[in-house]
């Protein structure tokens, strides 16, 4: 076991399904971590309401009008909260150089497809599953990776394959992958917390 719990910050633009699963696992004593801060670029994100209801501090940082200032604010807020690992849970904004520099290989994201084959700019949500179906591959995958300056590009930390069923559609694949993501993300964080899985240097 690692000597101290992971100190987690979360980024979410909408509901933050994986964030919710992690906070629930922490509060149930199933994950050695502390949720320190939840940040959204969207003041109406369901993730903020959920976090507040669980006693986790929240912050809204709009990014569109001044991305540079937002980046500086985000980095400062995560540092002030004592965060050592940031989890992107459906965060639909590219991170800036300050945050990425300070948290190099310490921002992790889950992608609903195999990387690098089904990643890159514009490849999110249903589009990933449509591309998988169109490619005619036998399996898709869920990938947890470190975030860097490019979309879906950082080092892969963990992956799980999702075999395609006969007659699979983008909709049915999306439903199966979406259902799998939160528990896989929690399990991966548990392995990091337990020292079984190392983050990239």
N, C-alpha and C. Protein backbone atom coordinates (compact mmCIF):
# COMPACT_ATOMS: atom_id res chain seq x y z
N UNK A 1 0.85 -1.20 0.00
CA UNK A 1 0.00 0.00 0.00
C UNK A 1 0.88 1.25 0.00
N UNK A 2 0.39 2.30 -0.67
CA UNK A 2 1.13 3.55 -0.63
C UNK A 2 0.92 4.19 0.73
N UNK A 3 1.85 5.03 1.14
CA UNK A 3 1.83 5.54 2.51
C UNK A 3 0.74 6.57 2.75
N UNK A 4 0.33 7.29 1.73
CA UNK A 4 -0.71 8.29 1.95
C UNK A 4 -1.73 8.22 0.83
N UNK A 5 -2.97 8.63 1.13
CA UNK A 5 -4.02 8.56 0.11
C UNK A 5 -3.72 9.51 -1.06
N UNK A 6 -4.21 9.15 -2.24
CA UNK A 6 -4.12 10.05 -3.39
C UNK A 6 -4.95 11.30 -3.10
N UNK A 7 -4.41 12.43 -3.44
CA UNK A 7 -5.15 13.69 -3.25
C UNK A 7 -5.65 14.12 -4.63
N UNK A 8 -6.95 13.92 -4.85
CA UNK A 8 -7.51 14.03 -6.20
C UNK A 8 -8.19 15.37 -6.46
N UNK A 9 -7.94 15.90 -7.65
CA UNK A 9 -8.73 16.99 -8.19
C UNK A 9 -9.49 16.45 -9.38
N UNK A 10 -10.66 16.99 -9.65
CA UNK A 10 -11.48 16.51 -10.76
C UNK A 10 -11.82 17.66 -11.71
N UNK A 11 -11.87 17.33 -13.00
CA UNK A 11 -12.33 18.26 -14.03
C UNK A 11 -13.53 17.62 -14.71
N UNK A 12 -14.64 18.34 -14.77
CA UNK A 12 -15.84 17.79 -15.41
C UNK A 12 -16.62 18.91 -16.08
N UNK A 13 -17.12 18.65 -17.29
CA UNK A 13 -17.93 19.66 -17.99
C UNK A 13 -19.42 19.38 -17.88
N UNK A 14 -19.77 18.13 -17.58
CA UNK A 14 -21.20 17.76 -17.52
C UNK A 14 -21.50 17.01 -16.22
N UNK A 15 -21.85 15.74 -16.32
CA UNK A 15 -22.27 14.99 -15.14
C UNK A 15 -21.13 14.39 -14.33
N UNK A 16 -19.99 14.15 -14.99
CA UNK A 16 -18.86 13.58 -14.26
C UNK A 16 -19.12 12.19 -13.72
N UNK A 17 -19.58 11.27 -14.58
CA UNK A 17 -19.96 9.92 -14.12
C UNK A 17 -18.81 9.21 -13.40
N UNK A 18 -17.60 9.27 -13.96
CA UNK A 18 -16.47 8.59 -13.32
C UNK A 18 -16.10 9.28 -12.02
N UNK A 19 -16.16 10.60 -11.99
CA UNK A 19 -15.92 11.34 -10.75
C UNK A 19 -16.88 10.90 -9.66
N UNK A 20 -18.16 10.77 -10.01
CA UNK A 20 -19.16 10.33 -9.02
C UNK A 20 -18.81 8.95 -8.46
N UNK A 21 -18.43 8.04 -9.37
CA UNK A 21 -18.09 6.68 -8.93
C UNK A 21 -16.87 6.70 -8.00
N UNK A 22 -15.90 7.57 -8.29
CA UNK A 22 -14.70 7.66 -7.45
C UNK A 22 -15.03 8.23 -6.08
N UNK A 23 -15.81 9.30 -6.04
CA UNK A 23 -16.17 9.91 -4.75
C UNK A 23 -16.97 8.91 -3.92
N UNK A 24 -17.86 8.18 -4.56
CA UNK A 24 -18.64 7.16 -3.83
C UNK A 24 -17.72 6.07 -3.29
N UNK A 25 -16.74 5.63 -4.10
CA UNK A 25 -15.80 4.59 -3.66
C UNK A 25 -14.94 5.09 -2.50
N UNK A 26 -14.52 6.36 -2.56
CA UNK A 26 -13.71 6.94 -1.48
C UNK A 26 -14.54 6.96 -0.19
N UNK A 27 -15.78 7.45 -0.31
CA UNK A 27 -16.61 7.61 0.89
C UNK A 27 -17.09 6.27 1.45
N UNK A 28 -17.03 5.22 0.62
CA UNK A 28 -17.38 3.88 1.09
C UNK A 28 -16.14 3.15 1.64
N UNK A 29 -14.98 3.82 1.61
CA UNK A 29 -13.76 3.20 2.11
C UNK A 29 -13.14 2.20 1.14
N UNK A 30 -13.52 2.30 -0.14
CA UNK A 30 -13.03 1.33 -1.13
C UNK A 30 -11.88 1.88 -1.98
N UNK A 31 -11.52 3.14 -1.79
CA UNK A 31 -10.45 3.75 -2.56
C UNK A 31 -9.68 4.69 -1.64
N UNK A 32 -8.37 4.44 -1.52
CA UNK A 32 -7.53 5.25 -0.63
C UNK A 32 -7.19 6.58 -1.28
N UNK A 33 -8.12 7.52 -1.20
CA UNK A 33 -7.93 8.81 -1.84
C UNK A 33 -8.78 9.86 -1.13
N UNK A 34 -8.46 11.12 -1.38
CA UNK A 34 -9.23 12.24 -0.84
C UNK A 34 -9.66 13.12 -2.00
N UNK A 35 -10.98 13.37 -2.16
CA UNK A 35 -11.42 14.30 -3.21
C UNK A 35 -11.23 15.73 -2.71
N UNK A 36 -10.26 16.45 -3.28
CA UNK A 36 -9.92 17.78 -2.77
C UNK A 36 -10.67 18.91 -3.45
N UNK A 37 -10.97 18.75 -4.75
CA UNK A 37 -11.57 19.86 -5.50
C UNK A 37 -12.19 19.34 -6.80
N UNK A 38 -13.36 19.89 -7.14
CA UNK A 38 -13.98 19.61 -8.44
C UNK A 38 -14.10 20.94 -9.19
N UNK A 39 -13.54 20.99 -10.40
CA UNK A 39 -13.57 22.21 -11.21
C UNK A 39 -14.34 21.92 -12.50
N UNK A 40 -15.20 22.86 -12.87
CA UNK A 40 -15.91 22.75 -14.15
C UNK A 40 -15.79 24.07 -14.92
N UNK A 41 -15.86 23.96 -16.23
CA UNK A 41 -15.93 25.15 -17.08
C UNK A 41 -17.38 25.55 -17.33
N UNK A 42 -18.31 24.79 -16.75
CA UNK A 42 -19.75 24.97 -17.00
C UNK A 42 -20.47 25.08 -15.66
N UNK A 43 -21.01 26.26 -15.38
CA UNK A 43 -21.61 26.48 -14.05
C UNK A 43 -22.84 25.61 -13.81
N UNK A 44 -23.42 25.07 -14.89
CA UNK A 44 -24.61 24.21 -14.75
C UNK A 44 -24.28 22.72 -14.75
N UNK A 45 -23.01 22.37 -14.68
CA UNK A 45 -22.62 20.96 -14.72
C UNK A 45 -23.20 20.20 -13.53
N UNK A 46 -23.79 19.04 -13.82
CA UNK A 46 -24.33 18.20 -12.75
C UNK A 46 -23.26 17.75 -11.78
N UNK A 47 -22.02 17.67 -12.27
CA UNK A 47 -20.90 17.25 -11.43
C UNK A 47 -20.72 18.16 -10.22
N UNK A 48 -20.96 19.47 -10.39
CA UNK A 48 -20.77 20.43 -9.31
C UNK A 48 -21.78 20.20 -8.18
N UNK A 49 -23.03 20.00 -8.59
CA UNK A 49 -24.10 19.75 -7.61
C UNK A 49 -23.81 18.46 -6.82
N UNK A 50 -23.40 17.42 -7.55
CA UNK A 50 -23.09 16.15 -6.89
C UNK A 50 -21.96 16.33 -5.89
N UNK A 51 -20.88 16.99 -6.32
CA UNK A 51 -19.72 17.18 -5.45
C UNK A 51 -20.10 17.95 -4.19
N UNK A 52 -20.86 19.03 -4.38
CA UNK A 52 -21.28 19.84 -3.24
C UNK A 52 -22.11 19.02 -2.26
N UNK A 53 -22.96 18.14 -2.81
CA UNK A 53 -23.82 17.31 -1.95
C UNK A 53 -23.00 16.30 -1.14
N UNK A 54 -21.78 16.02 -1.60
CA UNK A 54 -20.90 15.09 -0.89
C UNK A 54 -19.81 15.82 -0.09
N UNK A 55 -19.94 17.13 0.01
CA UNK A 55 -19.00 17.90 0.81
C UNK A 55 -17.65 18.15 0.16
N UNK A 56 -17.60 18.04 -1.16
CA UNK A 56 -16.33 18.27 -1.87
C UNK A 56 -16.34 19.70 -2.42
N UNK A 57 -15.28 20.49 -2.17
CA UNK A 57 -15.24 21.87 -2.68
C UNK A 57 -15.34 21.91 -4.20
N UNK A 58 -16.02 22.94 -4.71
CA UNK A 58 -16.19 23.09 -6.16
C UNK A 58 -15.78 24.48 -6.60
N UNK A 59 -15.47 24.60 -7.88
CA UNK A 59 -15.05 25.87 -8.46
C UNK A 59 -15.44 25.87 -9.93
N UNK A 60 -15.96 27.01 -10.40
CA UNK A 60 -16.26 27.17 -11.83
C UNK A 60 -15.20 28.08 -12.43
N UNK A 61 -14.53 27.60 -13.46
CA UNK A 61 -13.54 28.42 -14.17
C UNK A 61 -13.89 28.42 -15.65
N UNK A 62 -14.58 29.46 -16.12
CA UNK A 62 -14.88 29.55 -17.55
C UNK A 62 -13.57 29.66 -18.34
N UNK A 63 -13.53 29.04 -19.49
CA UNK A 63 -12.27 28.99 -20.23
C UNK A 63 -12.29 29.75 -21.55
N UNK A 64 -13.48 30.08 -22.06
CA UNK A 64 -13.54 30.58 -23.43
C UNK A 64 -13.02 31.99 -23.61
N UNK A 65 -13.36 32.92 -22.70
CA UNK A 65 -13.00 34.32 -22.94
C UNK A 65 -11.50 34.57 -22.78
N UNK A 66 -10.87 33.88 -21.81
CA UNK A 66 -9.44 34.09 -21.58
C UNK A 66 -8.79 32.77 -21.15
N UNK A 67 -8.47 31.92 -22.12
CA UNK A 67 -7.93 30.59 -21.80
C UNK A 67 -6.64 30.65 -20.95
N UNK A 68 -5.82 31.67 -21.18
CA UNK A 68 -4.55 31.76 -20.45
C UNK A 68 -4.80 32.03 -18.97
N UNK A 69 -5.69 32.97 -18.69
CA UNK A 69 -6.03 33.28 -17.30
C UNK A 69 -6.71 32.08 -16.63
N UNK A 70 -7.56 31.38 -17.39
CA UNK A 70 -8.25 30.20 -16.85
C UNK A 70 -7.23 29.11 -16.49
N UNK A 71 -6.23 28.94 -17.34
CA UNK A 71 -5.18 27.95 -17.09
C UNK A 71 -4.44 28.29 -15.80
N UNK A 72 -4.07 29.56 -15.63
CA UNK A 72 -3.36 29.98 -14.42
C UNK A 72 -4.23 29.78 -13.18
N UNK A 73 -5.51 30.10 -13.29
CA UNK A 73 -6.44 29.93 -12.16
C UNK A 73 -6.59 28.46 -11.79
N UNK A 74 -6.72 27.62 -12.82
CA UNK A 74 -6.90 26.19 -12.59
C UNK A 74 -5.67 25.60 -11.89
N UNK A 75 -4.51 25.93 -12.39
CA UNK A 75 -3.26 25.42 -11.81
C UNK A 75 -3.14 25.86 -10.34
N UNK A 76 -3.41 27.16 -10.10
CA UNK A 76 -3.31 27.70 -8.74
C UNK A 76 -4.32 27.05 -7.80
N UNK A 77 -5.54 26.83 -8.30
CA UNK A 77 -6.60 26.24 -7.47
C UNK A 77 -6.26 24.80 -7.09
N UNK A 78 -5.75 24.03 -8.05
CA UNK A 78 -5.38 22.64 -7.76
C UNK A 78 -4.22 22.59 -6.77
N UNK A 79 -3.23 23.48 -6.94
CA UNK A 79 -2.11 23.53 -6.00
C UNK A 79 -2.58 23.91 -4.61
N UNK A 80 -3.44 24.93 -4.52
CA UNK A 80 -3.94 25.40 -3.22
C UNK A 80 -4.72 24.31 -2.50
N UNK A 81 -5.39 23.45 -3.27
CA UNK A 81 -6.17 22.36 -2.68
C UNK A 81 -5.29 21.15 -2.32
N UNK A 82 -3.99 21.25 -2.63
CA UNK A 82 -3.08 20.14 -2.31
C UNK A 82 -3.24 18.94 -3.21
N UNK A 83 -3.76 19.16 -4.40
CA UNK A 83 -4.02 18.05 -5.34
C UNK A 83 -2.71 17.50 -5.90
N UNK A 84 -2.58 16.15 -5.94
CA UNK A 84 -1.39 15.58 -6.59
C UNK A 84 -1.73 14.77 -7.84
N UNK A 85 -3.03 14.52 -8.09
CA UNK A 85 -3.44 13.80 -9.30
C UNK A 85 -4.79 14.35 -9.75
N UNK A 86 -4.86 14.75 -11.02
CA UNK A 86 -6.09 15.33 -11.55
C UNK A 86 -6.78 14.30 -12.46
N UNK A 87 -8.07 14.10 -12.24
CA UNK A 87 -8.86 13.17 -13.05
C UNK A 87 -9.79 13.97 -13.94
N UNK A 88 -9.66 13.78 -15.25
CA UNK A 88 -10.59 14.41 -16.20
C UNK A 88 -11.77 13.47 -16.39
N UNK A 89 -12.95 13.92 -15.98
CA UNK A 89 -14.16 13.10 -16.06
C UNK A 89 -15.14 13.79 -17.00
N UNK A 90 -14.90 13.61 -18.31
CA UNK A 90 -15.75 14.28 -19.29
C UNK A 90 -15.52 15.78 -19.29
N UNK A 91 -14.24 16.18 -19.34
CA UNK A 91 -13.89 17.60 -19.40
C UNK A 91 -13.61 17.95 -20.85
N UNK A 92 -14.39 18.87 -21.40
CA UNK A 92 -14.40 19.08 -22.84
C UNK A 92 -13.55 20.29 -23.26
N UNK A 93 -12.48 20.55 -22.52
CA UNK A 93 -11.59 21.64 -22.87
C UNK A 93 -10.15 21.14 -22.86
N UNK A 94 -9.36 21.67 -23.76
CA UNK A 94 -7.94 21.33 -23.77
C UNK A 94 -7.27 22.08 -22.60
N UNK A 95 -6.38 21.41 -21.90
CA UNK A 95 -5.69 22.05 -20.77
C UNK A 95 -4.56 22.94 -21.27
N UNK A 96 -4.25 23.97 -20.48
CA UNK A 96 -3.21 24.92 -20.87
C UNK A 96 -1.84 24.52 -20.36
N UNK A 97 -0.80 25.26 -20.80
CA UNK A 97 0.58 24.89 -20.50
C UNK A 97 0.96 24.96 -19.02
N UNK A 98 0.34 25.89 -18.27
CA UNK A 98 0.67 26.00 -16.84
C UNK A 98 0.25 24.73 -16.09
N UNK A 99 -1.01 24.33 -16.30
CA UNK A 99 -1.53 23.15 -15.60
C UNK A 99 -0.80 21.89 -16.07
N UNK A 100 -0.60 21.77 -17.38
CA UNK A 100 0.08 20.58 -17.90
C UNK A 100 1.54 20.53 -17.46
N UNK A 101 2.17 21.69 -17.33
CA UNK A 101 3.56 21.73 -16.89
C UNK A 101 3.69 21.33 -15.43
N UNK A 102 2.80 21.88 -14.61
CA UNK A 102 2.85 21.58 -13.16
C UNK A 102 2.43 20.14 -12.89
N UNK A 103 1.46 19.65 -13.65
CA UNK A 103 0.92 18.29 -13.42
C UNK A 103 1.29 17.35 -14.58
N UNK A 104 2.52 17.43 -15.03
CA UNK A 104 3.01 16.56 -16.10
C UNK A 104 2.79 15.09 -15.75
N UNK A 105 2.07 14.36 -16.59
CA UNK A 105 1.74 12.94 -16.37
C UNK A 105 0.96 12.69 -15.08
N UNK A 106 0.34 13.76 -14.55
CA UNK A 106 -0.49 13.62 -13.35
C UNK A 106 -1.91 14.12 -13.61
N UNK A 107 -2.27 14.21 -14.90
CA UNK A 107 -3.67 14.44 -15.28
C UNK A 107 -4.06 13.22 -16.09
N UNK A 108 -5.09 12.50 -15.63
CA UNK A 108 -5.47 11.29 -16.34
C UNK A 108 -6.90 11.38 -16.86
N UNK A 109 -7.10 10.75 -18.00
CA UNK A 109 -8.36 10.82 -18.71
C UNK A 109 -8.74 9.41 -19.17
N UNK A 110 -10.05 9.20 -19.34
CA UNK A 110 -10.50 7.92 -19.90
C UNK A 110 -11.08 8.20 -21.28
N UNK A 111 -10.71 7.35 -22.24
CA UNK A 111 -11.15 7.52 -23.62
C UNK A 111 -11.97 6.29 -24.03
N UNK A 112 -13.13 6.49 -24.68
CA UNK A 112 -14.03 5.36 -24.95
C UNK A 112 -13.66 4.55 -26.20
N UNK A 113 -12.37 4.42 -26.48
CA UNK A 113 -11.92 3.65 -27.63
C UNK A 113 -10.46 3.29 -27.47
N UNK A 114 -9.96 2.49 -28.40
CA UNK A 114 -8.55 2.12 -28.37
C UNK A 114 -7.71 3.29 -28.90
N UNK A 115 -6.61 3.54 -28.24
CA UNK A 115 -5.68 4.58 -28.70
C UNK A 115 -4.40 3.92 -29.19
N UNK A 116 -3.74 4.49 -30.19
CA UNK A 116 -4.07 5.75 -30.86
C UNK A 116 -5.08 5.63 -32.00
N UNK A 117 -5.53 4.41 -32.31
CA UNK A 117 -6.34 4.19 -33.52
C UNK A 117 -7.61 5.04 -33.56
N UNK A 118 -8.28 5.20 -32.42
CA UNK A 118 -9.58 5.87 -32.43
C UNK A 118 -9.59 7.09 -31.52
N UNK A 119 -8.52 7.90 -31.64
CA UNK A 119 -8.42 9.12 -30.85
C UNK A 119 -8.07 10.30 -31.71
N UNK A 120 -7.86 11.43 -31.06
CA UNK A 120 -7.48 12.65 -31.77
C UNK A 120 -8.58 13.68 -31.69
N UNK A 121 -8.30 14.86 -32.23
CA UNK A 121 -9.25 15.96 -32.15
C UNK A 121 -10.58 15.57 -32.78
N UNK A 122 -11.67 15.89 -32.09
CA UNK A 122 -13.01 15.59 -32.59
C UNK A 122 -13.47 14.16 -32.33
N UNK A 123 -12.57 13.33 -31.80
CA UNK A 123 -12.94 11.93 -31.53
C UNK A 123 -13.37 11.78 -30.08
N UNK A 124 -14.66 12.00 -29.85
CA UNK A 124 -15.20 11.83 -28.50
C UNK A 124 -16.64 11.35 -28.61
N UNK A 125 -17.13 10.76 -27.52
CA UNK A 125 -18.52 10.33 -27.48
C UNK A 125 -18.87 9.38 -28.60
N UNK A 126 -20.05 9.58 -29.16
CA UNK A 126 -20.61 8.70 -30.19
C UNK A 126 -19.70 8.58 -31.41
N UNK A 127 -18.96 9.65 -31.72
CA UNK A 127 -18.09 9.63 -32.91
C UNK A 127 -17.07 8.50 -32.85
N UNK A 128 -16.55 8.24 -31.65
CA UNK A 128 -15.56 7.16 -31.48
C UNK A 128 -16.20 5.83 -31.86
N UNK A 129 -17.40 5.58 -31.35
CA UNK A 129 -18.07 4.29 -31.57
C UNK A 129 -18.48 4.13 -33.04
N UNK A 130 -18.88 5.24 -33.66
CA UNK A 130 -19.21 5.18 -35.10
C UNK A 130 -17.97 4.81 -35.91
N UNK A 131 -16.82 5.37 -35.52
CA UNK A 131 -15.57 5.07 -36.25
C UNK A 131 -15.16 3.60 -36.05
N UNK A 132 -15.36 3.08 -34.84
CA UNK A 132 -15.03 1.67 -34.56
C UNK A 132 -15.89 0.75 -35.41
N UNK A 133 -17.20 1.01 -35.45
CA UNK A 133 -18.12 0.20 -36.26
C UNK A 133 -17.73 0.28 -37.74
N UNK A 134 -17.44 1.50 -38.21
CA UNK A 134 -17.10 1.70 -39.63
C UNK A 134 -15.81 0.97 -40.00
N UNK A 135 -14.90 0.83 -39.02
CA UNK A 135 -13.61 0.18 -39.30
C UNK A 135 -13.72 -1.34 -39.38
N UNK A 136 -14.85 -1.88 -38.88
CA UNK A 136 -15.06 -3.32 -38.97
C UNK A 136 -14.13 -4.15 -38.10
N UNK A 137 -13.64 -3.56 -37.00
CA UNK A 137 -12.73 -4.30 -36.11
C UNK A 137 -13.51 -5.25 -35.22
N UNK A 138 -12.80 -6.23 -34.65
CA UNK A 138 -13.46 -7.24 -33.81
C UNK A 138 -13.68 -6.77 -32.39
N UNK A 139 -12.88 -5.78 -31.97
CA UNK A 139 -13.07 -5.29 -30.59
C UNK A 139 -12.74 -3.81 -30.50
N UNK A 140 -13.40 -3.18 -29.53
CA UNK A 140 -13.07 -1.81 -29.19
C UNK A 140 -12.32 -1.86 -27.86
N UNK A 141 -12.18 -0.73 -27.21
CA UNK A 141 -11.46 -0.73 -25.95
C UNK A 141 -11.73 0.53 -25.18
N UNK A 142 -11.38 0.51 -23.91
CA UNK A 142 -11.42 1.70 -23.08
C UNK A 142 -9.99 1.95 -22.66
N UNK A 143 -9.53 3.20 -22.79
CA UNK A 143 -8.13 3.51 -22.53
C UNK A 143 -8.03 4.63 -21.49
N UNK A 144 -7.22 4.40 -20.46
CA UNK A 144 -6.91 5.45 -19.49
C UNK A 144 -5.49 5.92 -19.79
N UNK A 145 -5.36 7.24 -19.98
CA UNK A 145 -4.05 7.75 -20.40
C UNK A 145 -3.74 9.06 -19.69
N UNK A 146 -2.46 9.40 -19.64
CA UNK A 146 -2.05 10.71 -19.14
C UNK A 146 -2.35 11.74 -20.21
N UNK A 147 -2.74 12.93 -19.78
CA UNK A 147 -3.11 14.00 -20.70
C UNK A 147 -1.88 14.84 -21.01
N UNK A 148 -1.68 15.13 -22.30
CA UNK A 148 -0.63 16.08 -22.68
C UNK A 148 -1.22 17.14 -23.60
N UNK A 149 -0.36 17.84 -24.34
CA UNK A 149 -0.82 18.99 -25.14
C UNK A 149 -1.72 18.59 -26.31
N UNK A 150 -1.67 17.33 -26.72
CA UNK A 150 -2.47 16.89 -27.86
C UNK A 150 -3.62 15.99 -27.39
N UNK A 151 -4.73 16.06 -28.11
CA UNK A 151 -5.88 15.22 -27.74
C UNK A 151 -5.51 13.74 -27.80
N UNK A 152 -5.86 13.00 -26.73
CA UNK A 152 -5.76 11.52 -26.71
C UNK A 152 -4.35 11.02 -27.05
N UNK A 153 -3.34 11.73 -26.61
CA UNK A 153 -1.99 11.45 -27.07
C UNK A 153 -1.06 10.93 -25.98
N UNK A 154 -1.29 11.30 -24.72
CA UNK A 154 -0.33 10.99 -23.65
C UNK A 154 -0.17 9.50 -23.40
N UNK A 155 0.83 9.13 -22.58
CA UNK A 155 1.13 7.72 -22.32
C UNK A 155 -0.08 6.95 -21.79
N UNK A 156 -0.26 5.73 -22.29
CA UNK A 156 -1.37 4.86 -21.84
C UNK A 156 -1.02 4.27 -20.48
N UNK A 157 -1.97 4.31 -19.55
CA UNK A 157 -1.78 3.80 -18.19
C UNK A 157 -2.46 2.44 -18.03
N UNK A 158 -3.65 2.31 -18.59
CA UNK A 158 -4.39 1.04 -18.50
C UNK A 158 -5.37 0.97 -19.66
N UNK A 159 -5.67 -0.27 -20.08
CA UNK A 159 -6.68 -0.41 -21.15
C UNK A 159 -7.48 -1.68 -20.91
N UNK A 160 -8.69 -1.68 -21.40
CA UNK A 160 -9.53 -2.87 -21.31
C UNK A 160 -10.22 -3.06 -22.65
N UNK A 161 -10.18 -4.29 -23.18
CA UNK A 161 -10.81 -4.52 -24.49
C UNK A 161 -12.30 -4.78 -24.32
N UNK A 162 -13.04 -4.39 -25.33
CA UNK A 162 -14.50 -4.58 -25.36
C UNK A 162 -14.83 -5.26 -26.69
N UNK A 163 -15.00 -6.60 -26.68
CA UNK A 163 -15.32 -7.31 -27.93
C UNK A 163 -16.66 -6.83 -28.50
N UNK A 164 -16.73 -6.70 -29.82
CA UNK A 164 -17.98 -6.29 -30.45
C UNK A 164 -18.91 -7.49 -30.57
N UNK A 165 -20.17 -7.25 -30.25
CA UNK A 165 -21.19 -8.31 -30.36
C UNK A 165 -21.70 -8.36 -31.80
N UNK A 166 -22.27 -9.52 -32.22
CA UNK A 166 -22.88 -9.60 -33.56
C UNK A 166 -23.97 -8.53 -33.69
N UNK A 167 -23.98 -7.83 -34.81
CA UNK A 167 -25.00 -6.80 -35.02
C UNK A 167 -24.80 -5.54 -34.20
N UNK A 168 -23.58 -5.37 -33.66
CA UNK A 168 -23.29 -4.20 -32.83
C UNK A 168 -23.52 -2.90 -33.61
N UNK A 169 -24.11 -1.92 -32.95
CA UNK A 169 -24.27 -0.59 -33.55
C UNK A 169 -23.47 0.41 -32.71
N UNK A 170 -23.29 1.60 -33.25
CA UNK A 170 -22.59 2.64 -32.48
C UNK A 170 -23.33 2.90 -31.16
N UNK A 171 -24.67 2.86 -31.22
CA UNK A 171 -25.47 3.13 -30.02
C UNK A 171 -25.28 2.04 -28.96
N UNK A 172 -25.33 0.78 -29.40
CA UNK A 172 -25.21 -0.31 -28.41
C UNK A 172 -23.79 -0.37 -27.84
N UNK A 173 -22.80 -0.09 -28.69
CA UNK A 173 -21.41 -0.09 -28.22
C UNK A 173 -21.19 1.05 -27.24
N UNK A 174 -21.74 2.21 -27.57
CA UNK A 174 -21.61 3.36 -26.67
C UNK A 174 -22.21 3.05 -25.30
N UNK A 175 -23.38 2.41 -25.29
CA UNK A 175 -24.04 2.09 -24.02
C UNK A 175 -23.19 1.14 -23.19
N UNK A 176 -22.58 0.14 -23.83
CA UNK A 176 -21.76 -0.83 -23.09
C UNK A 176 -20.48 -0.20 -22.56
N UNK A 177 -19.84 0.62 -23.40
CA UNK A 177 -18.58 1.26 -22.98
C UNK A 177 -18.85 2.28 -21.87
N UNK A 178 -19.91 3.06 -22.02
CA UNK A 178 -20.26 4.07 -21.01
C UNK A 178 -20.53 3.41 -19.66
N UNK A 179 -21.18 2.26 -19.68
CA UNK A 179 -21.47 1.54 -18.44
C UNK A 179 -20.20 1.00 -17.78
N UNK A 180 -19.21 0.67 -18.59
CA UNK A 180 -17.97 0.07 -18.09
C UNK A 180 -17.00 1.10 -17.53
N UNK A 181 -17.03 2.32 -18.08
CA UNK A 181 -15.99 3.32 -17.79
C UNK A 181 -15.82 3.64 -16.30
N UNK A 182 -16.89 4.00 -15.55
CA UNK A 182 -16.65 4.42 -14.17
C UNK A 182 -15.97 3.35 -13.31
N UNK A 183 -16.42 2.10 -13.40
CA UNK A 183 -15.83 1.05 -12.56
C UNK A 183 -14.38 0.76 -12.96
N UNK A 184 -14.09 0.83 -14.27
CA UNK A 184 -12.73 0.61 -14.74
C UNK A 184 -11.81 1.74 -14.27
N UNK A 185 -12.31 2.96 -14.29
CA UNK A 185 -11.52 4.11 -13.84
C UNK A 185 -11.25 4.00 -12.33
N UNK A 186 -12.28 3.62 -11.55
CA UNK A 186 -12.10 3.44 -10.10
C UNK A 186 -11.08 2.34 -9.83
N UNK A 187 -11.21 1.22 -10.54
CA UNK A 187 -10.29 0.08 -10.35
C UNK A 187 -8.84 0.49 -10.67
N UNK A 188 -8.67 1.29 -11.74
CA UNK A 188 -7.33 1.74 -12.12
C UNK A 188 -6.75 2.67 -11.05
N UNK A 189 -7.57 3.57 -10.53
CA UNK A 189 -7.10 4.47 -9.47
C UNK A 189 -6.75 3.68 -8.22
N UNK A 190 -7.52 2.64 -7.94
CA UNK A 190 -7.23 1.81 -6.76
C UNK A 190 -5.86 1.15 -6.93
N UNK A 191 -5.57 0.70 -8.15
CA UNK A 191 -4.26 0.08 -8.41
C UNK A 191 -3.12 1.10 -8.27
N UNK A 192 -3.37 2.34 -8.69
CA UNK A 192 -2.38 3.40 -8.52
C UNK A 192 -2.17 3.68 -7.02
N UNK A 193 -3.28 3.80 -6.29
CA UNK A 193 -3.21 4.09 -4.86
C UNK A 193 -2.49 2.98 -4.10
N UNK A 194 -2.69 1.74 -4.54
CA UNK A 194 -2.08 0.59 -3.86
C UNK A 194 -0.63 0.35 -4.29
N UNK A 195 -0.15 1.14 -5.25
CA UNK A 195 1.22 0.98 -5.70
C UNK A 195 1.41 -0.15 -6.68
N UNK A 196 0.29 -0.72 -7.18
CA UNK A 196 0.38 -1.82 -8.16
C UNK A 196 0.67 -1.31 -9.56
N UNK A 197 0.26 -0.06 -9.80
CA UNK A 197 0.36 0.51 -11.13
C UNK A 197 1.07 1.85 -11.01
N UNK A 198 2.14 2.03 -11.76
CA UNK A 198 2.93 3.26 -11.68
C UNK A 198 2.46 4.25 -12.76
N UNK A 199 2.42 5.50 -12.38
CA UNK A 199 2.16 6.54 -13.38
C UNK A 199 3.43 6.80 -14.16
N UNK A 200 3.31 7.31 -15.39
CA UNK A 200 4.52 7.60 -16.18
C UNK A 200 5.36 8.66 -15.47
N UNK A 201 6.68 8.61 -15.67
CA UNK A 201 7.57 9.61 -15.07
C UNK A 201 7.45 10.94 -15.79
